[in-house]
Amino acid sequence: MDAKNLLVIEDDPAICSLLEATLAGKGFRVIAVDSGEEGLRIIEENRPELVILDLNLPGMNGLDLCRAIRHDPYMAALPVLMLTGRSEEDDMVAGFAVGADDYITKPFSPKVLLARVQALLRRHPSPPKKAALPAAAKPALLEIRTLGRCELVYGDKTLVWSEQFTPTQRLLLTTLLAAPDARLPLGEVQSSLWPDLPASRSRATFDSLMTRLRRLLEEELAPIDVRQHLLLRRGILSLENVQIDAREFLRLTEQGDQLLRRGELWPAELAFAAAFRLWQGSFVCGGFGSDPAVQLQDHLEQQYLEASQPFARLLAATGRLNEAIKQLRAAQRYNQIDDGVTRLLHQMLLAQGHPAQARQLVERHAELLARHGFGQREIKAIVNSFATGAPTSGWLEAVTEDS
């Protein structure tokens, strides 16, 4: 029979050594830590068969930790033996109230400790281990849509998370989406969401938030295994096995730029087309109160603006001027006075034989520059620099080579 894994959470080194020696002497595998935060991390990463938990811990105390265990479906059935130096009745009641299965006071008899541990293990047999997935099997992707909408899509299930998430749940997901590689240390998440709370309180609040969020995802996106997608390991909160449209947009536009520089025009056009098919609007999460999300929103809009120009040139070079002009007009929504987009659009209108529209574009450009504080002399110089006749032959090829 496999040895049982036990977790000891005790900050007194002498007591901890006694517990380890007593339990290991009876064939148990023992992991010992001295804080509630570290204990919770161990439980999340490698669930033990039983926890021996000291009531009086620095930071997250035993009561808070036991409460967090009972509120999380993954940990709820884990047997907890509460350990403390106090023998007052109120402390025993408090321990049982938050979900402790048994209670033992210090000093304790090793024989009594072992008897209670074994009794708890008999009453709470370990759940059967899940069969390992074949090496080639991978979890299905969770699609996270953020461009112009907020949706989580898993198989044939869709959850509109801008409506069904609470503000704090939205902020948590937004914070992760805006982080590099969708990974953040748990401490940064806690300080970002609850900057005014002490560490123990913010950790307990985070645990409660995660429990509710996982439950919601499991209910709305069944048969999703949330722990394949929203992970907390070694103090790092991350999104895995996901496809995020905003990140995919950035990847594809960057790929298009690289292909264009190598002169691979057709593959570049395909990459840009795939990127712009994802774009249903700006990064909605920028409005959910996260500064990193606002920065990502700005970056995405700038990338949309910049990538629209080479994509429009590629479209125009293959005779699709109408599509190219439509793309540039869409880009203007994100910066009405961008010089590169305006000049390219002006050239394309002239190339299409629409000098009146080109002239209206320049007049409108002058009005916008004035609103943005440009001086009249500067505006006049800019307006006079726009060509008045149709562009010469080969202008698109020349521009493409310069990109």
Protein backbone atom coordinates (compact mmCIF):
# COMPACT_ATOMS: atom_id res chain seq x y z
CA MET A 1 0.00 0.00 0.00
CA ASP A 2 1.29 3.47 -0.88
CA ALA A 3 2.39 5.66 2.02
CA LYS A 4 -0.05 8.46 2.83
CA ASN A 5 1.02 12.05 2.23
CA LEU A 6 0.53 14.29 5.25
CA LEU A 7 1.04 18.04 5.45
CA VAL A 8 2.12 19.61 8.74
CA ILE A 9 1.66 23.38 9.08
CA GLU A 10 3.38 24.42 12.32
CA ASP A 11 5.65 27.40 13.05
CA ASP A 12 7.32 25.98 16.20
CA PRO A 13 10.47 24.13 14.99
CA ALA A 14 10.56 21.80 18.02
CA ILE A 15 6.92 20.75 17.64
CA CYS A 16 7.38 20.44 13.90
CA SER A 17 10.35 18.08 14.34
CA LEU A 18 8.39 15.96 16.82
CA LEU A 19 5.46 15.68 14.43
CA GLU A 20 7.69 14.75 11.52
CA ALA A 21 9.55 12.10 13.51
CA THR A 22 6.35 10.60 14.97
CA LEU A 23 4.52 10.40 11.64
CA ALA A 24 7.48 9.35 9.49
CA GLY A 25 8.20 6.58 12.01
CA LYS A 26 4.82 5.06 11.14
CA GLY A 27 5.46 5.14 7.40
CA PHE A 28 3.79 8.43 6.48
CA ARG A 29 5.33 10.81 3.97
CA VAL A 30 5.47 14.20 5.68
CA ILE A 31 5.86 17.68 4.28
CA ALA A 32 6.25 20.40 6.91
CA VAL A 33 5.90 24.17 6.39
CA ASP A 34 5.73 27.04 8.86
CA SER A 35 3.08 29.38 7.34
CA GLY A 36 -0.51 29.19 6.20
CA GLU A 37 0.33 30.77 2.86
CA GLU A 38 2.96 28.13 2.09
CA GLY A 39 0.64 25.38 3.29
CA LEU A 40 -2.12 26.50 0.95
CA ARG A 41 0.33 26.53 -1.95
CA ILE A 42 1.38 22.94 -1.18
CA ILE A 43 -2.25 21.81 -1.02
CA GLU A 44 -3.03 23.42 -4.38
CA GLU A 45 -0.02 21.86 -6.06
CA ASN A 46 -0.09 18.36 -4.57
CA ARG A 47 -3.15 17.59 -2.46
CA PRO A 48 -2.19 15.55 0.67
CA GLU A 49 -4.39 12.95 2.39
CA LEU A 50 -4.53 14.93 5.66
CA VAL A 51 -3.47 18.27 7.11
CA ILE A 52 -2.25 18.83 10.67
CA LEU A 53 -2.77 22.53 11.19
CA ASP A 54 -1.59 24.78 14.00
CA LEU A 55 -4.19 27.34 15.04
CA ASN A 56 -1.69 30.09 15.85
CA LEU A 57 0.30 30.88 12.71
CA PRO A 58 1.90 34.14 11.58
CA GLY A 59 0.10 35.84 8.69
CA MET A 60 -2.76 33.59 7.60
CA ASN A 61 -3.77 31.84 10.82
CA GLY A 62 -5.13 28.33 11.11
CA LEU A 63 -8.76 29.42 11.22
CA ASP A 64 -8.44 31.43 7.99
CA LEU A 65 -6.63 28.60 6.26
CA CYS A 66 -9.18 25.99 7.34
CA ARG A 67 -11.97 28.27 6.14
CA ALA A 68 -10.24 28.63 2.74
CA ILE A 69 -9.87 24.85 2.46
CA ARG A 70 -13.56 24.26 3.12
CA HIS A 71 -14.65 26.90 0.61
CA ASP A 72 -12.71 25.39 -2.31
CA PRO A 73 -14.32 22.33 -3.97
CA TYR A 74 -10.88 20.90 -4.78
CA MET A 75 -9.85 20.94 -1.10
CA ALA A 76 -13.20 20.78 0.70
CA ALA A 77 -13.06 17.06 1.59
CA LEU A 78 -9.50 17.22 2.92
CA PRO A 79 -9.42 16.08 6.59
CA VAL A 80 -7.97 18.68 8.96
CA LEU A 81 -6.61 17.98 12.43
CA MET A 82 -6.36 21.26 14.31
CA LEU A 83 -3.37 21.61 16.64
CA THR A 84 -2.92 24.31 19.27
CA GLY A 85 -1.45 25.06 22.67
CA ARG A 86 -4.77 26.40 23.90
CA SER A 87 -7.33 24.21 25.63
CA GLU A 88 -10.12 26.74 26.07
CA GLU A 89 -13.53 25.66 24.89
CA ASP A 90 -13.99 28.76 22.70
CA ASP A 91 -10.94 27.84 20.61
CA MET A 92 -12.23 24.31 20.08
CA VAL A 93 -15.61 25.68 19.01
CA ALA A 94 -13.96 28.17 16.61
CA GLY A 95 -11.91 25.36 15.06
CA PHE A 96 -14.93 23.15 14.49
CA ALA A 97 -16.95 26.13 13.22
CA VAL A 98 -14.56 26.68 10.28
CA GLY A 99 -14.53 22.99 9.39
CA ALA A 100 -11.81 21.22 11.42
CA ASP A 101 -12.47 17.48 11.67
CA ASP A 102 -10.66 16.93 14.97
CA TYR A 103 -8.75 18.88 17.59
CA ILE A 104 -5.72 18.10 19.72
CA THR A 105 -3.90 20.32 22.22
CA LYS A 106 -0.20 20.74 22.97
CA PRO A 107 1.50 19.05 24.70
CA PHE A 108 0.18 15.86 23.10
CA SER A 109 0.90 12.15 23.32
CA PRO A 110 2.43 10.78 20.09
CA LYS A 111 0.24 7.70 20.49
CA VAL A 112 -2.90 9.80 20.74
CA LEU A 113 -1.81 11.88 17.74
CA LEU A 114 -1.26 8.76 15.63
CA ALA A 115 -4.57 7.28 16.72
CA ARG A 116 -6.44 10.43 15.69
CA VAL A 117 -4.59 10.69 12.37
CA GLN A 118 -5.39 7.06 11.53
CA ALA A 119 -9.02 7.49 12.57
CA LEU A 120 -9.39 10.54 10.31
CA LEU A 121 -7.82 8.68 7.39
CA ARG A 122 -10.26 5.82 7.86
CA ARG A 123 -13.21 8.22 7.89
CA HIS A 124 -11.89 10.14 4.87
CA PRO A 125 -10.44 7.63 2.38
CA SER A 126 -8.40 9.13 -0.43
CA PRO A 127 -10.35 9.73 -3.65
CA PRO A 128 -9.37 7.36 -6.48
CA LYS A 129 -6.56 8.73 -8.58
CA LYS A 130 -7.49 9.78 -12.07
CA ALA A 131 -5.92 7.80 -14.86
CA ALA A 132 -3.11 9.70 -16.50
CA LEU A 133 -3.89 11.21 -19.87
CA PRO A 134 -2.08 9.71 -22.84
CA ALA A 135 1.07 11.64 -23.68
CA ALA A 136 -0.46 13.04 -26.87
CA ALA A 137 -3.72 14.14 -25.23
CA LYS A 138 -4.04 17.85 -24.52
CA PRO A 139 -6.84 19.80 -22.86
CA ALA A 140 -9.23 21.56 -25.21
CA LEU A 141 -8.48 25.25 -25.64
CA LEU A 142 -10.47 27.84 -23.74
CA GLU A 143 -11.05 30.75 -26.11
CA ILE A 144 -10.94 34.19 -24.47
CA ARG A 145 -12.45 36.94 -26.60
CA THR A 146 -11.64 40.50 -25.63
CA LEU A 147 -11.69 42.51 -28.88
CA GLY A 148 -15.01 44.33 -29.05
CA ARG A 149 -16.67 41.77 -26.76
CA CYS A 150 -15.96 39.71 -23.66
CA GLU A 151 -16.66 36.02 -24.12
CA LEU A 152 -15.28 32.75 -22.89
CA VAL A 153 -15.87 29.93 -25.37
CA TYR A 154 -15.34 26.27 -24.57
CA GLY A 155 -16.63 23.78 -27.11
CA ASP A 156 -20.22 24.78 -27.84
CA LYS A 157 -20.60 26.78 -24.60
CA THR A 158 -20.24 30.57 -24.39
CA LEU A 159 -20.06 32.74 -21.28
CA VAL A 160 -20.38 36.54 -21.65
CA TRP A 161 -17.98 37.45 -18.90
CA SER A 162 -18.53 41.21 -19.10
CA GLU A 163 -22.07 40.50 -17.83
CA GLN A 164 -21.79 37.29 -15.80
CA PHE A 165 -18.59 38.09 -13.88
CA THR A 166 -18.58 40.32 -10.83
CA PRO A 167 -16.42 43.47 -11.07
CA THR A 168 -13.66 41.81 -9.04
CA GLN A 169 -13.76 38.67 -11.19
CA ARG A 170 -13.50 40.84 -14.32
CA LEU A 171 -10.58 42.72 -12.79
CA LEU A 172 -8.78 39.47 -11.91
CA LEU A 173 -9.09 38.09 -15.45
CA THR A 174 -8.18 41.46 -16.97
CA THR A 175 -5.07 41.69 -14.79
CA LEU A 176 -3.97 38.26 -16.01
CA LEU A 177 -4.75 39.00 -19.66
CA ALA A 178 -2.64 42.15 -19.53
CA ALA A 179 0.36 40.39 -17.95
CA PRO A 180 3.24 39.07 -20.08
CA ASP A 181 2.49 35.44 -21.01
CA ALA A 182 -0.69 35.72 -18.87
CA ARG A 183 1.33 34.91 -15.73
CA LEU A 184 1.66 36.88 -12.49
CA PRO A 185 3.06 36.23 -9.02
CA LEU A 186 0.22 35.82 -6.56
CA GLY A 187 1.59 38.67 -4.43
CA GLU A 188 1.24 41.07 -7.37
CA VAL A 189 -2.33 39.94 -7.96
CA GLN A 190 -3.23 40.49 -4.30
CA SER A 191 -1.59 43.92 -4.10
CA SER A 192 -3.24 44.95 -7.35
CA LEU A 193 -6.76 43.89 -6.36
CA TRP A 194 -6.63 44.65 -2.61
CA PRO A 195 -3.79 47.16 -2.02
CA ASP A 196 -5.09 48.24 1.38
CA LEU A 197 -5.54 44.79 2.92
CA PRO A 198 -2.86 42.98 4.94
CA ALA A 199 -1.37 39.88 3.29
CA SER A 200 -3.40 37.34 5.27
CA ARG A 201 -6.71 39.10 4.59
CA SER A 202 -5.99 39.58 0.89
CA ARG A 203 -4.98 35.92 0.54
CA ALA A 204 -8.20 34.75 2.19
CA THR A 205 -10.18 37.11 -0.06
CA PHE A 206 -8.32 35.80 -3.11
CA ASP A 207 -9.09 32.20 -2.16
CA SER A 208 -12.77 33.00 -1.85
CA LEU A 209 -12.73 34.81 -5.20
CA MET A 210 -11.05 31.86 -6.92
CA THR A 211 -13.56 29.42 -5.46
CA ARG A 212 -16.52 31.40 -6.75
CA LEU A 213 -14.90 31.99 -10.14
CA ARG A 214 -14.04 28.33 -10.66
CA ARG A 215 -17.55 27.31 -9.67
CA LEU A 216 -19.07 29.75 -12.16
CA LEU A 217 -16.84 28.51 -14.99
CA GLU A 218 -17.62 24.89 -14.21
CA GLU A 219 -21.35 25.60 -14.20
CA GLU A 220 -21.43 27.69 -17.38
CA LEU A 221 -18.79 25.90 -19.47
CA ALA A 222 -19.31 22.26 -18.46
CA PRO A 223 -17.55 19.87 -18.94
CA ILE A 224 -14.55 22.19 -18.58
CA ASP A 225 -11.77 21.25 -16.14
CA VAL A 226 -11.00 24.74 -14.84
CA ARG A 227 -7.67 23.62 -13.32
CA GLN A 228 -6.34 23.00 -16.81
CA HIS A 229 -6.81 26.69 -17.65
CA LEU A 230 -6.71 28.85 -14.49
CA LEU A 231 -3.72 27.66 -12.46
CA LEU A 232 -1.96 28.57 -9.25
CA ARG A 233 1.40 26.84 -8.97
CA ARG A 234 4.45 27.76 -6.92
CA GLY A 235 2.94 31.13 -6.14
CA ILE A 236 2.29 31.96 -9.83
CA LEU A 237 -1.23 32.53 -11.13
CA SER A 238 -1.50 31.81 -14.85
CA LEU A 239 -3.77 31.15 -17.79
CA GLU A 240 -2.84 28.03 -19.72
CA ASN A 241 -4.34 26.09 -22.61
CA VAL A 242 -6.11 29.26 -23.72
CA GLN A 243 -6.34 31.26 -26.93
CA ILE A 244 -6.59 35.00 -26.35
CA ASP A 245 -7.72 36.97 -29.39
CA ALA A 246 -5.83 40.13 -28.36
CA ARG A 247 -2.53 38.25 -28.00
CA GLU A 248 -3.19 36.37 -31.23
CA PHE A 249 -3.80 39.67 -33.02
CA LEU A 250 -0.43 40.99 -31.87
CA ARG A 251 1.33 37.77 -32.86
CA LEU A 252 -0.18 37.68 -36.35
CA THR A 253 0.48 41.35 -37.14
CA GLU A 254 4.09 40.99 -35.99
CA GLN A 255 4.40 37.87 -38.12
CA GLY A 256 2.99 39.80 -41.09
CA ASP A 257 5.60 42.55 -40.64
CA GLN A 258 8.43 40.00 -40.52
CA LEU A 259 7.22 38.21 -43.65
CA LEU A 260 6.87 41.51 -45.47
CA ARG A 261 10.46 42.46 -44.63
CA ARG A 262 11.61 39.17 -46.13
CA GLY A 263 9.66 39.91 -49.31
CA GLU A 264 7.16 37.09 -48.72
CA LEU A 265 4.15 39.13 -49.79
CA TRP A 266 1.48 36.44 -50.07
CA PRO A 267 2.19 34.86 -46.65
CA ALA A 268 2.36 38.37 -45.17
CA GLU A 269 -1.07 39.20 -46.58
CA LEU A 270 -2.48 35.97 -45.12
CA ALA A 271 -1.07 36.79 -41.68
CA PHE A 272 -2.50 40.32 -41.73
CA ALA A 273 -5.88 39.07 -42.99
CA ALA A 274 -6.06 36.50 -40.19
CA ALA A 275 -5.20 39.19 -37.63
CA PHE A 276 -7.84 41.65 -38.83
CA ARG A 277 -10.51 38.94 -38.92
CA LEU A 278 -10.03 38.68 -35.15
CA TRP A 279 -10.61 42.39 -34.62
CA GLN A 280 -14.21 43.05 -33.60
CA GLY A 281 -13.39 46.29 -31.82
CA SER A 282 -10.93 47.63 -29.29
CA PHE A 283 -9.70 45.75 -26.21
CA VAL A 284 -12.80 45.98 -24.02
CA CYS A 285 -10.87 45.05 -20.87
CA GLY A 286 -9.18 48.44 -20.87
CA GLY A 287 -12.36 49.80 -19.30
CA PHE A 288 -12.36 47.43 -16.31
CA GLY A 289 -10.11 49.50 -14.03
CA SER A 290 -6.70 47.88 -14.56
CA ASP A 291 -3.82 50.18 -15.52
CA PRO A 292 -1.92 47.39 -17.35
CA ALA A 293 -5.11 46.65 -19.31
CA VAL A 294 -5.37 50.31 -20.35
CA GLN A 295 -1.76 50.17 -21.54
CA LEU A 296 -2.46 46.99 -23.50
CA GLN A 297 -5.52 48.63 -25.04
CA ASP A 298 -3.37 51.56 -26.21
CA HIS A 299 -0.75 49.16 -27.59
CA LEU A 300 -3.36 47.13 -29.49
CA GLU A 301 -4.93 50.22 -31.03
CA GLN A 302 -1.51 51.50 -32.10
CA GLN A 303 -0.68 48.11 -33.57
CA TYR A 304 -3.99 48.14 -35.46
CA LEU A 305 -3.14 51.57 -36.83
CA GLU A 306 0.37 50.60 -37.89
CA ALA A 307 -0.47 47.19 -39.33
CA SER A 308 -3.34 48.63 -41.38
CA GLN A 309 -0.88 50.45 -43.61
CA PRO A 310 1.18 47.51 -44.95
CA PHE A 311 -1.97 45.41 -45.18
CA ALA A 312 -3.70 48.14 -47.22
CA ARG A 313 -0.69 48.37 -49.53
CA LEU A 314 -0.76 44.63 -50.11
CA LEU A 315 -4.48 44.76 -50.88
CA ALA A 316 -4.05 47.68 -53.26
CA ALA A 317 -1.08 46.03 -54.99
CA THR A 318 -3.38 43.15 -55.98
CA GLY A 319 -6.09 45.44 -57.31
CA ARG A 320 -8.30 45.59 -54.20
CA LEU A 321 -8.29 49.34 -53.68
CA ASN A 322 -11.80 49.41 -52.22
CA GLU A 323 -10.79 46.93 -49.49
CA ALA A 324 -7.58 48.87 -48.85
CA ILE A 325 -9.46 52.17 -48.46
CA LYS A 326 -11.99 50.53 -46.14
CA GLN A 327 -9.15 49.21 -43.97
CA LEU A 328 -7.53 52.64 -43.70
CA ARG A 329 -10.81 54.37 -42.85
CA ALA A 330 -11.31 51.83 -40.07
CA ALA A 331 -7.80 52.60 -38.79
CA GLN A 332 -8.59 56.32 -38.63
CA ARG A 333 -11.05 55.65 -35.80
CA TYR A 334 -8.08 55.04 -33.49
CA ASN A 335 -6.09 58.14 -34.49
CA GLN A 336 -7.76 60.66 -36.76
CA ILE A 337 -4.60 62.71 -37.34
CA ASP A 338 -2.12 59.89 -37.98
CA ASP A 339 0.05 61.19 -40.80
CA GLY A 340 0.94 57.81 -42.32
CA VAL A 341 -2.63 56.55 -42.55
CA THR A 342 -3.97 59.86 -43.86
CA ARG A 343 -1.32 60.19 -46.58
CA LEU A 344 -1.73 56.59 -47.73
CA LEU A 345 -5.51 56.94 -47.83
CA HIS A 346 -5.11 60.17 -49.80
CA GLN A 347 -2.88 58.44 -52.35
CA MET A 348 -5.34 55.58 -52.74
CA LEU A 349 -8.29 57.90 -53.28
CA LEU A 350 -6.34 59.66 -56.02
CA ALA A 351 -5.27 56.33 -57.54
CA GLN A 352 -8.93 55.27 -57.60
CA GLY A 353 -9.88 58.45 -59.45
CA HIS A 354 -11.62 60.27 -56.59
CA PRO A 355 -9.87 63.68 -56.36
CA ALA A 356 -12.88 65.29 -54.64
CA GLN A 357 -12.82 62.74 -51.83
CA ALA A 358 -9.05 63.17 -51.56
CA ARG A 359 -9.47 66.95 -51.24
CA GLN A 360 -12.17 66.53 -48.58
CA LEU A 361 -9.83 64.22 -46.67
CA VAL A 362 -7.09 66.89 -46.63
CA GLU A 363 -9.55 69.61 -45.56
CA ARG A 364 -10.84 67.42 -42.77
CA HIS A 365 -7.25 66.64 -41.76
CA ALA A 366 -6.49 70.37 -41.48
CA GLU A 367 -9.55 70.89 -39.24
CA LEU A 368 -8.49 68.07 -36.93
CA LEU A 369 -4.93 69.37 -36.72
CA ALA A 370 -6.27 72.77 -35.66
CA ARG A 371 -8.38 71.15 -32.94
CA HIS A 372 -5.28 69.39 -31.67
CA GLY A 373 -3.39 72.66 -31.26
CA PHE A 374 -1.31 72.83 -34.44
CA GLY A 375 -0.43 76.34 -35.59
CA GLN A 376 -1.80 77.72 -38.86
CA ARG A 377 1.63 77.96 -40.49
CA GLU A 378 2.39 74.34 -39.62
CA ILE A 379 -1.02 73.18 -40.86
CA LYS A 380 -0.54 75.04 -44.15
CA ALA A 381 2.85 73.40 -44.70
CA ILE A 382 1.35 69.95 -44.02
CA VAL A 383 -1.60 70.54 -46.37
CA ASN A 384 0.68 71.80 -49.15
CA SER A 385 2.81 68.64 -48.87
CA PHE A 386 -0.08 66.44 -50.05
CA ALA A 387 0.11 65.55 -53.74
CA THR A 388 -2.67 66.79 -56.02
CA GLY A 389 -2.33 64.35 -58.90
CA ALA A 390 -2.65 60.59 -59.15
CA PRO A 391 0.41 58.72 -57.82
CA THR A 392 3.00 57.65 -60.35
CA SER A 393 3.33 54.07 -61.56
CA GLY A 394 5.03 51.74 -59.11
CA TRP A 395 4.26 53.78 -55.98
CA LEU A 396 2.83 50.81 -54.11
CA GLU A 397 5.79 48.56 -54.88
CA ALA A 398 8.22 51.25 -53.74
CA VAL A 399 6.38 51.77 -50.48
CA THR A 400 6.15 48.01 -49.84
CA GLU A 401 9.89 47.63 -50.25
CA ASP A 402 10.47 50.43 -47.72
CA SER A 403 8.26 48.80 -45.09
